[in-house]
Amino acid sequence: MTNIAQTDRNPWAVLLIFLRLGLTSFGGPIAHLGYFREEFVTRRQWLTECSYADLVALCQFLPGPASSQVGIALGLSRCGYAGALAAWAGFTLPSALALILFALGMASYGDAMPSGVLHGLKVVAVAVVAQAVWGMARTLCPDAPRITIMAAASCFVLLAPAAFGQLGVIAIAALIGLLLFKPRQGTAHDPLPIAIRRRVGLFWLTLFLVLLMGLPLLVALSPNQMLSMVDAFYRAGSLVFGGGHVVLPLLQAKVVPTGWVSNDLFLAGYGAAQAVPGPLFTFAAFLGASMNQAPTGWWGGLVCLVAIFAPSFLLVVGALPFWERLRRNVRMQAALWGINAGVVGLLLAALYQPVWTSAIHAPQDFAMAIMALVALMFWKLPPWLVVVGSGIVGWLLSIVL
């Protein structure tokens, strides 16, 4: 084991390790964290079990895709910033490239694709989001107060569907968490094997905030399509708590009402994103490649992909020097409890609008969604297989009915 750990301290080795994971890691963020634990704790012994648990806790505490952030931190621990970039590229690019190719295929041959296949992809999105809502609610809303926050957040977003309504829900849920919950004091933990000075961490956190607040001002002062895209996807990556599925309502509220991407294409791409390995945030690459205005295609996909993942880099590198103190702060934990319940409410609202209302129009649609949900939750079939099967069933139903 020691020999293995000593041979992967250069960016190319890290890239190849994460590339293999990026090609084979199906099953969503929880499964990804399991793959990482087996690879880097058990097999390669990059860090201890306790240190890995602490790293996962940090990345779940921060907004953004937890599994990708864990990968970035692991790459950083091996060979610095180059290792972080290599880990992200290896884990992310396989699914991003596949989704960009799918978007280009839809643009070139979408008319040739049977409408039933596209509808099947939209229906399977209902099952995927329903599974995510159920799983997250069981974990993040275990008591009556948090269930109430979830329900209230969902109702609020449905009645005020603008993007500011979603951001308002997150802020209000954090405030309610601070006032309502009293977590127990955290215990001591192993230090993470990453040495970053606090001054450097503060620089990255400041850059994160400058971009978060400055990009909307730049868009207002100098309207530009590329700048608007970077702003939209950067903010989505900065404000998503609770996993990749929660990015769905934030992105939908930005790209569909503006006419950048049609709602049907948005849901079809989201369904297709379930069939590829790696992080769900690579859905941004599909959207960028599908834009109705330039930049689009490969360039648009790359711009949106980098924009949505940039906050993850800045937050992970910036928060690591302060994590020990932050983790013991019970007020921050209380706010996070409220935020987590609120984002489940966001996802529950998204399950109805736009996912359900755009896909379920007839009894056969509901039947297909039920079967897809059963296949995912109880038969434990791979998501890619359920997606492919739903596309085929949708095509057959369009012929028969």
Protein backbone atom coordinates (compact mmCIF):
# COMPACT_ATOMS: atom_id res chain seq x y z
CA MET A 1 0.00 0.00 0.00
CA THR A 2 2.83 2.37 0.86
CA ASN A 3 4.36 1.93 -2.58
CA ILE A 4 1.03 2.82 -4.18
CA ALA A 5 0.78 5.98 -2.07
CA GLN A 6 4.31 7.06 -3.06
CA THR A 7 3.88 6.66 -6.82
CA ASP A 8 0.97 9.06 -7.30
CA ARG A 9 2.43 12.37 -6.12
CA ASN A 10 2.44 14.09 -9.51
CA PRO A 11 -0.45 15.70 -11.41
CA TRP A 12 -0.43 13.16 -14.26
CA ALA A 13 -0.81 10.25 -11.85
CA VAL A 14 -3.65 12.07 -10.06
CA LEU A 15 -5.29 12.79 -13.43
CA LEU A 16 -5.21 9.12 -14.45
CA ILE A 17 -6.58 7.94 -11.09
CA PHE A 18 -9.51 10.36 -11.22
CA LEU A 19 -10.07 9.74 -14.92
CA ARG A 20 -10.75 6.09 -14.16
CA LEU A 21 -13.18 7.14 -11.45
CA GLY A 22 -14.79 9.65 -13.78
CA LEU A 23 -15.43 6.91 -16.33
CA THR A 24 -16.87 4.39 -13.87
CA SER A 25 -18.49 6.30 -10.97
CA PHE A 26 -22.21 5.92 -11.54
CA GLY A 27 -24.85 6.39 -8.88
CA GLY A 28 -24.73 10.01 -7.71
CA PRO A 29 -22.74 11.87 -5.04
CA ILE A 30 -23.25 9.39 -2.21
CA ALA A 31 -21.96 6.58 -4.41
CA HIS A 32 -19.05 8.79 -5.53
CA LEU A 33 -18.00 9.32 -1.92
CA GLY A 34 -18.06 5.56 -1.44
CA TYR A 35 -15.83 5.06 -4.48
CA PHE A 36 -13.43 7.71 -3.15
CA ARG A 37 -13.26 6.09 0.28
CA GLU A 38 -12.42 2.69 -1.21
CA GLU A 39 -9.79 4.15 -3.53
CA PHE A 40 -8.06 6.70 -1.31
CA VAL A 41 -8.57 5.46 2.26
CA THR A 42 -8.61 1.69 1.87
CA ARG A 43 -6.48 1.06 -1.21
CA ARG A 44 -4.08 3.98 -1.59
CA GLN A 45 -4.03 5.18 2.04
CA TRP A 46 -3.78 8.85 1.10
CA LEU A 47 -5.48 9.75 4.40
CA THR A 48 -7.03 8.14 7.46
CA GLU A 49 -10.66 7.15 7.85
CA CYS A 50 -11.21 9.97 10.33
CA SER A 51 -9.54 12.57 8.10
CA TYR A 52 -11.65 11.44 5.17
CA ALA A 53 -14.83 11.75 7.24
CA ASP A 54 -13.78 15.27 8.23
CA LEU A 55 -13.11 16.18 4.61
CA VAL A 56 -16.54 14.90 3.57
CA ALA A 57 -18.10 16.90 6.42
CA LEU A 58 -16.39 20.08 5.20
CA CYS A 59 -17.56 19.61 1.62
CA GLN A 60 -21.11 18.88 2.72
CA PHE A 61 -20.99 22.02 4.85
CA LEU A 62 -20.02 24.18 1.85
CA PRO A 63 -22.33 24.98 -1.08
CA GLY A 64 -21.56 23.12 -4.28
CA PRO A 65 -21.13 19.48 -5.39
CA ALA A 66 -19.74 17.61 -2.38
CA SER A 67 -18.15 14.72 -4.27
CA SER A 68 -16.32 17.02 -6.70
CA GLN A 69 -15.12 19.17 -3.82
CA VAL A 70 -13.78 16.10 -1.99
CA GLY A 71 -11.94 15.16 -5.19
CA ILE A 72 -10.46 18.66 -5.50
CA ALA A 73 -9.27 18.55 -1.89
CA LEU A 74 -7.76 15.09 -2.35
CA GLY A 75 -5.85 16.25 -5.43
CA LEU A 76 -4.70 19.33 -3.53
CA SER A 77 -3.37 17.12 -0.73
CA ARG A 78 -1.21 15.12 -3.15
CA CYS A 79 0.47 17.79 -5.27
CA GLY A 80 -0.96 21.22 -4.64
CA TYR A 81 -3.04 23.30 -7.02
CA ALA A 82 -1.98 21.26 -10.07
CA GLY A 83 -3.21 18.14 -8.32
CA ALA A 84 -6.54 19.81 -7.52
CA LEU A 85 -7.01 20.76 -11.18
CA ALA A 86 -5.98 17.29 -12.34
CA ALA A 87 -8.42 15.60 -9.95
CA TRP A 88 -11.28 17.84 -11.11
CA ALA A 89 -10.49 17.35 -14.80
CA GLY A 90 -10.21 13.57 -14.55
CA PHE A 91 -13.44 13.17 -12.62
CA THR A 92 -15.47 15.76 -14.56
CA LEU A 93 -14.46 15.73 -18.22
CA PRO A 94 -15.79 12.27 -19.22
CA SER A 95 -19.40 13.14 -18.38
CA ALA A 96 -19.01 16.74 -19.58
CA LEU A 97 -17.76 15.62 -22.99
CA ALA A 98 -20.55 13.05 -23.29
CA LEU A 99 -23.21 15.65 -22.50
CA ILE A 100 -21.75 18.21 -24.92
CA LEU A 101 -21.81 15.56 -27.66
CA PHE A 102 -25.42 14.78 -26.75
CA ALA A 103 -26.29 18.48 -27.00
CA LEU A 104 -24.60 18.77 -30.39
CA GLY A 105 -26.44 15.66 -31.56
CA MET A 106 -29.74 17.14 -30.43
CA ALA A 107 -28.97 20.35 -32.31
CA SER A 108 -28.03 18.52 -35.52
CA TYR A 109 -30.34 15.52 -35.48
CA GLY A 110 -33.00 16.44 -32.94
CA ASP A 111 -35.70 16.47 -35.58
CA ALA A 112 -34.72 12.95 -36.62
CA MET A 113 -35.06 11.63 -33.07
CA PRO A 114 -38.50 10.14 -32.39
CA SER A 115 -40.51 12.42 -30.11
CA GLY A 116 -41.27 9.47 -27.83
CA VAL A 117 -37.56 9.08 -26.96
CA LEU A 118 -37.32 12.71 -25.92
CA HIS A 119 -40.49 12.40 -23.88
CA GLY A 120 -39.14 9.28 -22.19
CA LEU A 121 -36.07 11.25 -21.07
CA LYS A 122 -38.35 13.93 -19.60
CA VAL A 123 -40.42 11.32 -17.75
CA VAL A 124 -37.37 9.63 -16.23
CA ALA A 125 -36.36 13.03 -14.82
CA VAL A 126 -39.54 12.87 -12.71
CA ALA A 127 -38.40 9.58 -11.16
CA VAL A 128 -34.85 10.82 -10.59
CA VAL A 129 -35.93 14.02 -8.85
CA ALA A 130 -38.56 12.16 -6.80
CA GLN A 131 -35.88 9.72 -5.62
CA ALA A 132 -33.61 12.64 -4.69
CA VAL A 133 -36.39 14.40 -2.75
CA TRP A 134 -37.22 11.23 -0.83
CA GLY A 135 -33.63 10.39 0.04
CA MET A 136 -32.69 13.94 1.03
CA ALA A 137 -35.87 14.45 3.07
CA ARG A 138 -35.21 11.29 5.10
CA THR A 139 -31.69 12.49 5.92
CA LEU A 140 -32.04 16.26 6.16
CA CYS A 141 -35.60 16.60 7.51
CA PRO A 142 -35.79 14.03 10.34
CA ASP A 143 -38.09 16.02 12.66
CA ALA A 144 -41.22 18.17 12.59
CA PRO A 145 -39.49 21.60 12.57
CA ARG A 146 -37.33 20.74 9.56
CA ILE A 147 -40.24 19.09 7.74
CA THR A 148 -42.17 22.31 8.30
CA ILE A 149 -39.30 24.40 6.90
CA MET A 150 -39.20 22.08 3.88
CA ALA A 151 -42.95 22.41 3.24
CA ALA A 152 -42.97 26.18 3.73
CA ALA A 153 -39.97 26.62 1.42
CA SER A 154 -41.65 24.54 -1.28
CA CYS A 155 -44.89 26.55 -1.07
CA PHE A 156 -43.03 29.85 -1.10
CA VAL A 157 -41.01 28.98 -4.21
CA LEU A 158 -44.08 27.74 -6.08
CA LEU A 159 -45.90 31.00 -5.29
CA ALA A 160 -42.84 33.20 -5.99
CA PRO A 161 -40.98 31.31 -8.73
CA ALA A 162 -38.44 34.03 -9.57
CA ALA A 163 -34.81 33.35 -8.80
CA PHE A 164 -34.83 35.85 -5.91
CA GLY A 165 -37.52 33.68 -4.29
CA GLN A 166 -35.16 30.71 -4.20
CA LEU A 167 -32.30 32.78 -2.78
CA GLY A 168 -34.68 34.27 -0.24
CA VAL A 169 -35.70 30.79 0.88
CA ILE A 170 -32.07 29.86 1.56
CA ALA A 171 -31.48 33.04 3.56
CA ILE A 172 -34.70 32.72 5.59
CA ALA A 173 -34.07 29.02 6.26
CA ALA A 174 -30.60 29.86 7.57
CA LEU A 175 -32.06 32.49 9.90
CA ILE A 176 -34.74 30.10 11.18
CA GLY A 177 -32.06 27.47 11.77
CA LEU A 178 -30.02 29.93 13.84
CA LEU A 179 -33.04 30.78 15.99
CA LEU A 180 -34.57 27.32 16.28
CA PHE A 181 -31.87 24.67 16.48
CA LYS A 182 -29.27 23.96 19.16
CA PRO A 183 -26.72 21.41 17.86
CA ARG A 184 -24.34 19.84 20.33
CA GLN A 185 -20.76 21.05 20.46
CA GLY A 186 -18.60 19.29 17.87
CA THR A 187 -15.83 16.98 18.99
CA ALA A 188 -12.14 17.21 18.15
CA HIS A 189 -11.03 15.59 14.92
CA ASP A 190 -7.91 14.66 12.99
CA PRO A 191 -6.27 17.53 11.09
CA LEU A 192 -6.61 17.24 7.34
CA PRO A 193 -3.38 16.51 5.43
CA ILE A 194 -3.43 19.88 3.60
CA ALA A 195 -1.23 22.83 4.56
CA ILE A 196 -2.66 26.17 3.42
CA ARG A 197 -2.00 29.38 5.32
CA ARG A 198 -4.98 31.35 6.58
CA ARG A 199 -3.88 34.41 4.64
CA VAL A 200 -3.98 32.41 1.41
CA GLY A 201 -7.33 30.91 2.32
CA LEU A 202 -8.70 34.38 3.05
CA PHE A 203 -7.55 35.54 -0.39
CA TRP A 204 -9.49 32.75 -2.14
CA LEU A 205 -12.61 33.37 -0.05
CA THR A 206 -12.41 37.08 -0.84
CA LEU A 207 -12.10 36.31 -4.55
CA PHE A 208 -15.16 34.05 -4.28
CA LEU A 209 -17.22 36.88 -2.73
CA VAL A 210 -15.89 39.50 -5.17
CA LEU A 211 -17.00 37.37 -8.13
CA LEU A 212 -20.35 36.53 -6.51
CA MET A 213 -21.18 40.20 -5.96
CA GLY A 214 -19.25 41.71 -8.85
CA LEU A 215 -20.47 39.61 -11.77
CA PRO A 216 -24.12 40.80 -11.50
CA LEU A 217 -22.86 44.41 -11.42
CA LEU A 218 -20.75 43.85 -14.53
CA VAL A 219 -23.74 42.32 -16.32
CA ALA A 220 -25.88 45.32 -15.36
CA LEU A 221 -23.24 47.82 -16.51
CA SER A 222 -22.22 46.02 -19.69
CA PRO A 223 -24.83 43.51 -20.93
CA ASN A 224 -23.08 40.65 -22.67
CA GLN A 225 -24.26 37.11 -23.40
CA MET A 226 -21.07 35.37 -22.27
CA LEU A 227 -20.82 37.49 -19.13
CA SER A 228 -24.48 36.76 -18.35
CA MET A 229 -23.87 33.03 -18.73
CA VAL A 230 -20.80 33.14 -16.47
CA ASP A 231 -22.77 35.10 -13.85
CA ALA A 232 -25.75 32.71 -13.95
CA PHE A 233 -23.71 29.52 -13.68
CA TYR A 234 -21.25 30.93 -11.14
CA ARG A 235 -24.12 31.94 -8.85
CA ALA A 236 -25.76 28.53 -9.29
CA GLY A 237 -22.52 26.83 -8.24
CA SER A 238 -22.18 29.22 -5.30
CA LEU A 239 -25.65 28.83 -3.82
CA VAL A 240 -26.47 25.12 -4.14
CA PHE A 241 -26.61 23.28 -0.83
CA GLY A 242 -27.54 19.62 -0.59
CA GLY A 243 -26.21 18.00 -3.76
CA GLY A 244 -26.28 18.25 -7.52
CA HIS A 245 -30.02 17.76 -7.94
CA VAL A 246 -30.72 21.03 -6.11
CA VAL A 247 -29.05 22.96 -8.95
CA LEU A 248 -32.03 22.04 -11.15
CA PRO A 249 -34.42 24.82 -10.01
CA LEU A 250 -31.68 27.48 -9.96
CA LEU A 251 -30.56 26.71 -13.51
CA GLN A 252 -34.09 26.27 -14.82
CA ALA A 253 -35.10 29.67 -13.46
CA LYS A 254 -32.18 31.27 -15.31
CA VAL A 255 -31.88 29.52 -18.66
CA VAL A 256 -35.52 28.77 -19.56
CA PRO A 257 -37.33 32.11 -18.93
CA THR A 258 -34.50 33.96 -20.72
CA GLY A 259 -34.97 31.76 -23.78
CA TRP A 260 -31.41 30.44 -23.68
CA VAL A 261 -32.65 26.82 -23.65
CA SER A 262 -36.19 25.49 -24.19
CA ASN A 263 -37.85 23.74 -21.26
CA ASP A 264 -38.24 20.49 -23.23
CA LEU A 265 -34.54 20.45 -24.11
CA PHE A 266 -33.65 21.34 -20.50
CA LEU A 267 -35.54 18.33 -19.12
CA ALA A 268 -34.30 15.98 -21.84
CA GLY A 269 -30.72 16.97 -21.02
CA TYR A 270 -31.35 16.53 -17.32
CA GLY A 271 -32.65 13.03 -18.00
CA ALA A 272 -29.61 12.25 -20.14
CA ALA A 273 -27.31 13.51 -17.39
CA GLN A 274 -28.46 10.59 -15.25
CA ALA A 275 -27.02 8.13 -17.77
CA VAL A 276 -23.41 9.31 -17.51
CA PRO A 277 -20.90 8.78 -14.68
CA GLY A 278 -19.34 11.58 -12.69
CA PRO A 279 -20.85 14.70 -11.09
CA LEU A 280 -24.33 15.92 -12.00
CA PHE A 281 -23.00 19.49 -12.22
CA THR A 282 -21.69 18.57 -15.69
CA PHE A 283 -25.29 19.19 -16.78
CA ALA A 284 -24.01 22.76 -17.11
CA ALA A 285 -21.89 21.64 -20.08
CA PHE A 286 -25.02 20.35 -21.83
CA LEU A 287 -26.82 23.64 -21.24
CA GLY A 288 -23.88 25.71 -22.46
CA ALA A 289 -23.62 23.64 -25.62
CA SER A 290 -27.39 23.97 -26.20
CA MET A 291 -27.64 27.76 -25.94
CA ASN A 292 -29.74 29.55 -28.56
CA GLN A 293 -27.25 32.44 -28.56
CA ALA A 294 -23.46 32.49 -28.85
CA PRO A 295 -21.36 31.21 -27.22
CA THR A 296 -22.76 27.76 -27.83
CA GLY A 297 -21.47 24.34 -28.84
CA TRP A 298 -18.09 23.30 -27.45
CA TRP A 299 -17.13 26.82 -26.39
CA GLY A 300 -20.44 27.45 -24.62
CA GLY A 301 -20.25 24.09 -22.85
CA LEU A 302 -16.73 24.79 -21.58
CA VAL A 303 -17.62 28.32 -20.38
CA CYS A 304 -20.62 27.10 -18.38
CA LEU A 305 -18.74 24.09 -17.01
CA VAL A 306 -15.86 26.21 -15.68
CA ALA A 307 -18.25 28.86 -14.33
CA ILE A 308 -20.35 26.42 -12.29
CA PHE A 309 -17.33 24.62 -10.81
CA ALA A 310 -15.21 27.72 -10.10
CA PRO A 311 -16.90 28.39 -6.73
CA SER A 312 -16.04 24.85 -5.63
CA PHE A 313 -12.32 25.49 -6.14
CA LEU A 314 -12.41 28.83 -4.36
CA LEU A 315 -14.49 27.63 -1.42
CA VAL A 316 -12.57 24.40 -0.79
CA VAL A 317 -9.14 26.03 -0.92
CA GLY A 318 -10.38 29.03 1.04
CA ALA A 319 -12.22 27.13 3.78
CA LEU A 320 -9.63 24.45 4.55
CA PRO A 321 -7.43 26.66 6.79
CA PHE A 322 -10.48 27.66 8.87
CA TRP A 323 -12.27 24.32 8.95
CA GLU A 324 -11.32 23.22 12.46
CA ARG A 325 -12.80 26.34 14.05
CA LEU A 326 -15.75 26.44 11.65
CA ARG A 327 -16.70 22.83 12.30
CA ARG A 328 -16.97 23.42 16.04
CA ASN A 329 -19.18 26.50 15.60
CA VAL A 330 -22.64 25.38 16.68
CA ARG A 331 -24.28 28.51 15.22
CA MET A 332 -22.98 27.62 11.77
CA GLN A 333 -24.23 24.06 12.23
CA ALA A 334 -27.67 25.35 13.25
CA ALA A 335 -27.85 27.59 10.17
CA LEU A 336 -26.86 24.66 7.99
CA TRP A 337 -29.68 22.52 9.42
CA GLY A 338 -32.15 25.17 8.34
CA ILE A 339 -30.52 25.60 4.93
CA ASN A 340 -30.57 21.85 4.27
CA ALA A 341 -34.31 21.66 5.05
CA GLY A 342 -34.93 24.66 2.82
CA VAL A 343 -33.12 23.19 -0.16
CA VAL A 344 -35.16 19.99 0.11
CA GLY A 345 -38.19 22.26 -0.22
CA LEU A 346 -36.64 23.84 -3.32
CA LEU A 347 -36.19 20.42 -4.87
CA LEU A 348 -39.73 19.39 -3.93
CA ALA A 349 -41.06 22.49 -5.71
CA ALA A 350 -38.92 21.68 -8.75
CA LEU A 351 -40.40 18.17 -8.80
CA TYR A 352 -43.76 19.75 -9.53
CA GLN A 353 -42.64 22.73 -11.64
CA PRO A 354 -41.01 22.30 -14.13
CA VAL A 355 -40.36 18.54 -13.99
CA TRP A 356 -43.84 17.08 -13.38
CA THR A 357 -45.87 19.66 -15.31
CA SER A 358 -43.67 19.30 -18.39
CA ALA A 359 -43.52 15.50 -18.48
CA ILE A 360 -46.71 13.97 -17.04
CA HIS A 361 -49.63 14.59 -19.42
CA ALA A 362 -51.37 11.23 -19.63
CA PRO A 363 -51.87 8.02 -17.59
CA GLN A 364 -49.12 6.23 -19.53
CA ASP A 365 -46.65 8.98 -18.54
CA PHE A 366 -47.50 8.49 -14.86
CA ALA A 367 -47.18 4.72 -15.25
CA MET A 368 -43.75 5.08 -16.87
CA ALA A 369 -42.60 7.42 -14.08
CA ILE A 370 -43.75 4.94 -11.42
CA MET A 371 -41.88 2.07 -13.06
CA ALA A 372 -38.73 4.19 -13.42
CA LEU A 373 -38.93 5.17 -9.74
CA VAL A 374 -39.38 1.54 -8.67
CA ALA A 375 -36.43 0.51 -10.86
CA LEU A 376 -34.21 3.14 -9.26
CA MET A 377 -35.28 2.83 -5.62
CA PHE A 378 -36.17 -0.82 -5.16
CA TRP A 379 -34.65 -2.80 -8.02
CA LYS A 380 -31.46 -0.74 -7.63
CA LEU A 381 -30.86 -0.70 -11.37
CA PRO A 382 -28.07 1.57 -12.66
CA PRO A 383 -29.40 5.04 -13.55
CA TRP A 384 -28.03 4.85 -17.08
CA LEU A 385 -29.98 1.65 -17.70
CA VAL A 386 -33.21 3.22 -16.41
CA VAL A 387 -32.64 6.27 -18.65
CA VAL A 388 -32.04 4.15 -21.75
CA GLY A 389 -35.02 1.95 -20.93
CA SER A 390 -37.31 4.97 -20.47
CA GLY A 391 -36.25 6.35 -23.84
CA ILE A 392 -37.07 3.04 -25.51
CA VAL A 393 -40.41 2.72 -23.71
CA GLY A 394 -41.30 6.29 -24.66
CA TRP A 395 -40.56 5.52 -28.31
CA LEU A 396 -42.64 2.31 -28.23
CA LEU A 397 -45.58 4.10 -26.60
CA SER A 398 -45.47 6.82 -29.26
CA ILE A 399 -45.86 4.09 -31.89
CA VAL A 400 -48.57 2.08 -30.16
CA LEU A 401 -50.73 4.93 -28.80
